[in-house]
N, C-alpha and C. Protein backbone atom coordinates (compact mmCIF):
# COMPACT_ATOMS: atom_id res chain seq x y z
N MET A 1 95.34 98.60 54.55
CA MET A 1 95.82 99.94 54.85
C MET A 1 95.74 100.21 56.35
N VAL A 2 94.61 99.86 56.98
CA VAL A 2 94.44 100.11 58.40
C VAL A 2 95.44 99.26 59.20
N TYR A 3 95.67 98.01 58.76
CA TYR A 3 96.63 97.15 59.46
C TYR A 3 98.02 97.75 59.42
N LYS A 4 98.43 98.28 58.27
CA LYS A 4 99.75 98.90 58.16
C LYS A 4 99.85 100.11 59.07
N LEU A 5 98.77 100.88 59.15
CA LEU A 5 98.76 102.05 60.01
C LEU A 5 98.87 101.65 61.47
N VAL A 6 98.15 100.60 61.86
CA VAL A 6 98.20 100.13 63.23
C VAL A 6 99.61 99.68 63.59
N VAL A 7 100.24 98.94 62.70
CA VAL A 7 101.60 98.47 62.95
C VAL A 7 102.55 99.67 63.06
N ALA A 8 102.41 100.62 62.16
CA ALA A 8 103.28 101.80 62.20
C ALA A 8 103.06 102.60 63.48
N LEU A 9 101.81 102.77 63.88
CA LEU A 9 101.51 103.49 65.12
C LEU A 9 102.07 102.76 66.33
N ALA A 10 101.99 101.44 66.31
CA ALA A 10 102.52 100.65 67.42
C ALA A 10 104.02 100.85 67.57
N VAL A 11 104.72 100.77 66.46
CA VAL A 11 106.17 100.92 66.50
C VAL A 11 106.56 102.30 66.98
N VAL A 12 105.91 103.30 66.44
CA VAL A 12 106.26 104.67 66.81
C VAL A 12 105.84 104.98 68.24
N ALA A 13 104.66 104.52 68.65
CA ALA A 13 104.17 104.81 70.00
C ALA A 13 105.04 104.14 71.05
N LEU A 14 105.53 102.97 70.76
CA LEU A 14 106.34 102.26 71.73
C LEU A 14 107.74 102.85 71.85
N THR A 15 108.19 103.56 70.83
CA THR A 15 109.55 104.10 70.85
C THR A 15 109.60 105.59 71.13
N SER A 16 108.46 106.25 71.21
CA SER A 16 108.49 107.70 71.42
C SER A 16 108.37 108.04 72.91
N SER A 17 108.91 109.19 73.25
CA SER A 17 108.78 109.70 74.61
C SER A 17 108.68 111.22 74.54
N HIS A 18 108.17 111.81 75.60
CA HIS A 18 107.98 113.26 75.60
C HIS A 18 108.07 113.79 77.01
N GLU A 19 108.79 114.88 77.18
CA GLU A 19 108.83 115.56 78.47
C GLU A 19 107.94 116.79 78.37
N LEU A 20 107.07 116.93 79.33
CA LEU A 20 106.14 118.05 79.32
C LEU A 20 106.87 119.31 79.76
N THR A 21 106.99 120.27 78.84
CA THR A 21 107.69 121.52 79.16
C THR A 21 106.83 122.74 78.83
N MET A 22 105.54 122.54 78.70
CA MET A 22 104.66 123.64 78.37
C MET A 22 104.41 124.50 79.61
N ASN A 23 104.13 125.77 79.38
CA ASN A 23 103.88 126.70 80.48
C ASN A 23 102.39 126.86 80.72
N GLY A 24 101.74 125.84 81.28
CA GLY A 24 100.35 125.94 81.68
C GLY A 24 99.35 125.96 80.54
N ARG A 25 99.62 125.25 79.46
CA ARG A 25 98.64 125.20 78.38
C ARG A 25 98.79 123.91 77.59
N CYS A 26 97.78 123.62 76.82
CA CYS A 26 97.79 122.41 75.99
C CYS A 26 98.63 122.66 74.73
N SER A 27 99.16 121.58 74.19
CA SER A 27 99.96 121.68 72.96
C SER A 27 99.09 121.76 71.72
N CYS A 28 97.92 121.14 71.76
CA CYS A 28 97.04 121.08 70.59
C CYS A 28 95.97 122.17 70.65
N LEU A 29 95.98 123.01 69.63
CA LEU A 29 94.94 124.03 69.53
C LEU A 29 93.78 123.53 68.68
N ARG A 30 94.10 122.73 67.65
CA ARG A 30 93.09 122.12 66.78
C ARG A 30 93.34 120.63 66.71
N ILE A 31 92.27 119.85 66.71
CA ILE A 31 92.41 118.40 66.60
C ILE A 31 91.57 117.89 65.45
N THR A 32 91.95 116.73 64.93
CA THR A 32 91.18 116.11 63.86
C THR A 32 90.76 114.72 64.31
N ASN A 33 89.62 114.27 63.81
CA ASN A 33 89.14 112.94 64.18
C ASN A 33 89.37 111.92 63.07
N LYS A 34 90.11 112.32 62.05
CA LYS A 34 90.42 111.42 60.93
C LYS A 34 91.92 111.32 60.74
N ILE A 35 92.36 110.17 60.30
CA ILE A 35 93.77 109.98 59.99
C ILE A 35 93.97 110.42 58.54
N VAL A 36 94.72 111.50 58.37
CA VAL A 36 94.88 112.12 57.05
C VAL A 36 96.32 112.01 56.56
N PHE A 37 96.98 110.91 56.91
CA PHE A 37 98.36 110.69 56.50
C PHE A 37 98.56 109.19 56.34
N SER A 38 99.62 108.83 55.63
CA SER A 38 99.91 107.41 55.46
C SER A 38 100.99 107.00 56.46
N PRO A 39 101.07 105.72 56.78
CA PRO A 39 102.05 105.25 57.76
C PRO A 39 103.49 105.59 57.40
N ASN A 40 103.81 105.64 56.11
CA ASN A 40 105.20 105.93 55.73
C ASN A 40 105.55 107.41 55.93
N GLN A 41 104.59 108.25 56.23
CA GLN A 41 104.84 109.66 56.51
C GLN A 41 105.17 109.91 57.99
N LEU A 42 104.92 108.92 58.85
CA LEU A 42 105.11 109.07 60.29
C LEU A 42 106.57 109.20 60.68
N LYS A 43 106.82 110.11 61.57
CA LYS A 43 108.14 110.23 62.20
C LYS A 43 108.02 109.77 63.65
N THR A 44 107.16 110.43 64.41
CA THR A 44 106.92 110.04 65.81
C THR A 44 105.46 110.29 66.18
N ILE A 45 105.05 109.64 67.27
CA ILE A 45 103.75 109.90 67.87
C ILE A 45 103.98 110.16 69.35
N GLU A 46 103.40 111.23 69.84
CA GLU A 46 103.51 111.57 71.26
C GLU A 46 102.12 111.48 71.87
N ILE A 47 102.02 110.76 72.97
CA ILE A 47 100.76 110.67 73.70
C ILE A 47 100.99 111.35 75.04
N LEU A 48 100.32 112.47 75.22
CA LEU A 48 100.47 113.26 76.43
C LEU A 48 99.25 113.05 77.31
N PRO A 49 99.43 112.52 78.51
CA PRO A 49 98.28 112.33 79.40
C PRO A 49 97.79 113.68 79.94
N ALA A 50 96.58 113.67 80.46
CA ALA A 50 96.07 114.88 81.11
C ALA A 50 96.97 115.20 82.29
N SER A 51 97.14 116.50 82.54
CA SER A 51 98.05 116.93 83.61
C SER A 51 97.54 118.23 84.21
N ALA A 52 98.32 118.76 85.13
CA ALA A 52 97.95 120.03 85.76
C ALA A 52 97.98 121.18 84.75
N SER A 53 98.82 121.06 83.72
CA SER A 53 98.93 122.15 82.75
C SER A 53 97.94 122.01 81.59
N CYS A 54 97.39 120.80 81.39
CA CYS A 54 96.40 120.59 80.32
C CYS A 54 95.49 119.45 80.73
N GLU A 55 94.20 119.71 80.78
CA GLU A 55 93.25 118.69 81.24
C GLU A 55 92.91 117.65 80.16
N ASN A 56 93.41 117.83 78.94
CA ASN A 56 93.10 116.93 77.84
C ASN A 56 94.21 115.92 77.60
N VAL A 57 93.83 114.71 77.19
CA VAL A 57 94.80 113.76 76.66
C VAL A 57 95.08 114.22 75.23
N GLU A 58 96.35 114.32 74.88
CA GLU A 58 96.70 114.80 73.55
C GLU A 58 97.52 113.74 72.80
N ILE A 59 97.18 113.55 71.53
CA ILE A 59 97.93 112.65 70.66
C ILE A 59 98.48 113.51 69.54
N ILE A 60 99.81 113.66 69.52
CA ILE A 60 100.47 114.51 68.53
C ILE A 60 101.27 113.64 67.58
N VAL A 61 100.93 113.71 66.29
CA VAL A 61 101.63 112.96 65.26
C VAL A 61 102.60 113.91 64.57
N ASN A 62 103.86 113.56 64.57
CA ASN A 62 104.88 114.34 63.87
C ASN A 62 105.21 113.63 62.57
N LEU A 63 105.06 114.33 61.46
CA LEU A 63 105.34 113.75 60.15
C LEU A 63 106.76 114.07 59.72
N LYS A 64 107.27 113.28 58.79
CA LYS A 64 108.63 113.49 58.28
C LYS A 64 108.78 114.85 57.62
N SER A 65 107.69 115.40 57.12
CA SER A 65 107.72 116.71 56.48
C SER A 65 107.87 117.85 57.49
N GLY A 66 107.76 117.53 58.79
CA GLY A 66 107.84 118.56 59.81
C GLY A 66 106.48 119.01 60.31
N ARG A 67 105.44 118.59 59.65
CA ARG A 67 104.08 118.96 60.04
C ARG A 67 103.65 118.18 61.27
N GLN A 68 102.87 118.81 62.14
CA GLN A 68 102.31 118.17 63.32
C GLN A 68 100.80 118.11 63.19
N ILE A 69 100.24 116.96 63.54
CA ILE A 69 98.79 116.77 63.51
C ILE A 69 98.36 116.28 64.88
N CYS A 70 97.34 116.92 65.44
CA CYS A 70 96.78 116.49 66.71
C CYS A 70 95.53 115.66 66.44
N LEU A 71 95.52 114.44 66.99
CA LEU A 71 94.39 113.54 66.80
C LEU A 71 93.46 113.60 68.00
N ASP A 72 92.18 113.45 67.75
CA ASP A 72 91.17 113.44 68.80
C ASP A 72 91.16 112.07 69.47
N PRO A 73 91.58 111.97 70.73
CA PRO A 73 91.62 110.67 71.39
C PRO A 73 90.24 110.07 71.63
N ASN A 74 89.18 110.87 71.49
CA ASN A 74 87.82 110.37 71.69
C ASN A 74 87.15 109.92 70.40
N ALA A 75 87.78 110.13 69.26
CA ALA A 75 87.21 109.70 67.98
C ALA A 75 87.26 108.18 67.90
N SER A 76 86.20 107.58 67.39
CA SER A 76 86.11 106.12 67.38
C SER A 76 87.23 105.47 66.57
N GLN A 77 87.59 106.03 65.42
CA GLN A 77 88.66 105.46 64.60
C GLN A 77 89.99 105.49 65.35
N ILE A 78 90.28 106.57 66.02
CA ILE A 78 91.53 106.71 66.77
C ILE A 78 91.54 105.77 67.97
N ARG A 79 90.43 105.71 68.68
CA ARG A 79 90.33 104.81 69.85
C ARG A 79 90.52 103.36 69.45
N ASN A 80 89.91 102.96 68.33
CA ASN A 80 90.04 101.58 67.86
C ASN A 80 91.49 101.24 67.55
N ILE A 81 92.19 102.13 66.91
CA ILE A 81 93.59 101.89 66.57
C ILE A 81 94.43 101.72 67.83
N PHE A 82 94.23 102.60 68.81
CA PHE A 82 95.03 102.50 70.03
C PHE A 82 94.63 101.30 70.89
N GLN A 83 93.37 100.90 70.85
CA GLN A 83 92.98 99.68 71.55
C GLN A 83 93.67 98.46 70.93
N GLN A 84 93.79 98.45 69.61
CA GLN A 84 94.50 97.37 68.95
C GLN A 84 95.97 97.39 69.31
N LEU A 85 96.55 98.58 69.44
CA LEU A 85 97.95 98.69 69.84
C LEU A 85 98.17 98.13 71.24
N VAL A 86 97.27 98.44 72.15
CA VAL A 86 97.40 97.95 73.52
C VAL A 86 97.31 96.42 73.54
N LYS A 87 96.39 95.87 72.76
CA LYS A 87 96.26 94.41 72.69
C LYS A 87 97.53 93.78 72.14
N LYS A 88 98.08 94.37 71.08
CA LYS A 88 99.30 93.83 70.49
C LYS A 88 100.47 93.92 71.46
N LYS A 89 100.56 95.03 72.18
CA LYS A 89 101.65 95.19 73.15
C LYS A 89 101.51 94.15 74.25
N GLY A 90 100.29 93.89 74.70
CA GLY A 90 100.05 92.89 75.73
C GLY A 90 100.45 91.50 75.27
N LYS A 91 100.19 91.18 74.02
CA LYS A 91 100.56 89.87 73.50
C LYS A 91 102.07 89.73 73.41
N LYS A 92 102.79 90.79 73.10
CA LYS A 92 104.25 90.75 73.01
C LYS A 92 104.86 90.53 74.39
N ASN A 93 104.22 91.08 75.43
CA ASN A 93 104.78 90.98 76.78
C ASN A 93 104.38 89.71 77.50
N ASP A 94 103.43 88.95 76.96
CA ASP A 94 103.02 87.70 77.59
C ASP A 94 104.13 86.69 77.51
N LYS A 95 104.40 86.05 78.64
CA LYS A 95 105.41 85.01 78.68
C LYS A 95 104.71 83.68 78.76
N PRO A 96 105.21 82.69 78.08
CA PRO A 96 104.55 81.38 78.16
C PRO A 96 104.67 80.81 79.57
N SER A 97 103.59 80.21 80.03
CA SER A 97 103.63 79.61 81.37
C SER A 97 104.23 78.22 81.30
N ILE A 98 104.94 77.87 82.35
CA ILE A 98 105.62 76.57 82.39
C ILE A 98 104.84 75.61 83.25
């Protein structure tokens, strides 16, 4: 289950983009430290870095149902998943040496 979620998060994270258009505030009012959805419910994932308008890193999961969930980037489960994503992305970009 976790492997499927990691793969789904990788695909969505690599294909999503976001333009910051907020007026001086964070997008997430409440965050959760648990993944409470299945990979097949995912529509997009937005990772917003800290900025002048919001000092927090925000991870916003958009579900196919229209619901948005904000994940805690400091939660160990969430950090582990994204560390695995970074490792997988690095392996995809490695070119064999000649």
